[in-house]
């Protein structure tokens, strides 16, 4: 069972990827991630770079 922080991080990653999704549809992306699960993290990382959520503002 994943820790709460890991669970929250995965939920946030899922929300970021699927809330930004325009094309292809959610079912196609879910199927792709099921076939190649490591790509989900790569997609999330690239989205974070694009929107700047991985910036250190301190």
Foldseek 3Di string as FASTA:
>chain_A
DDDPVVVVVVVVLVCLVQVPDDPDHPVVVVVVCVVPVVVSVVVSVVSCVVVVVVDDPD
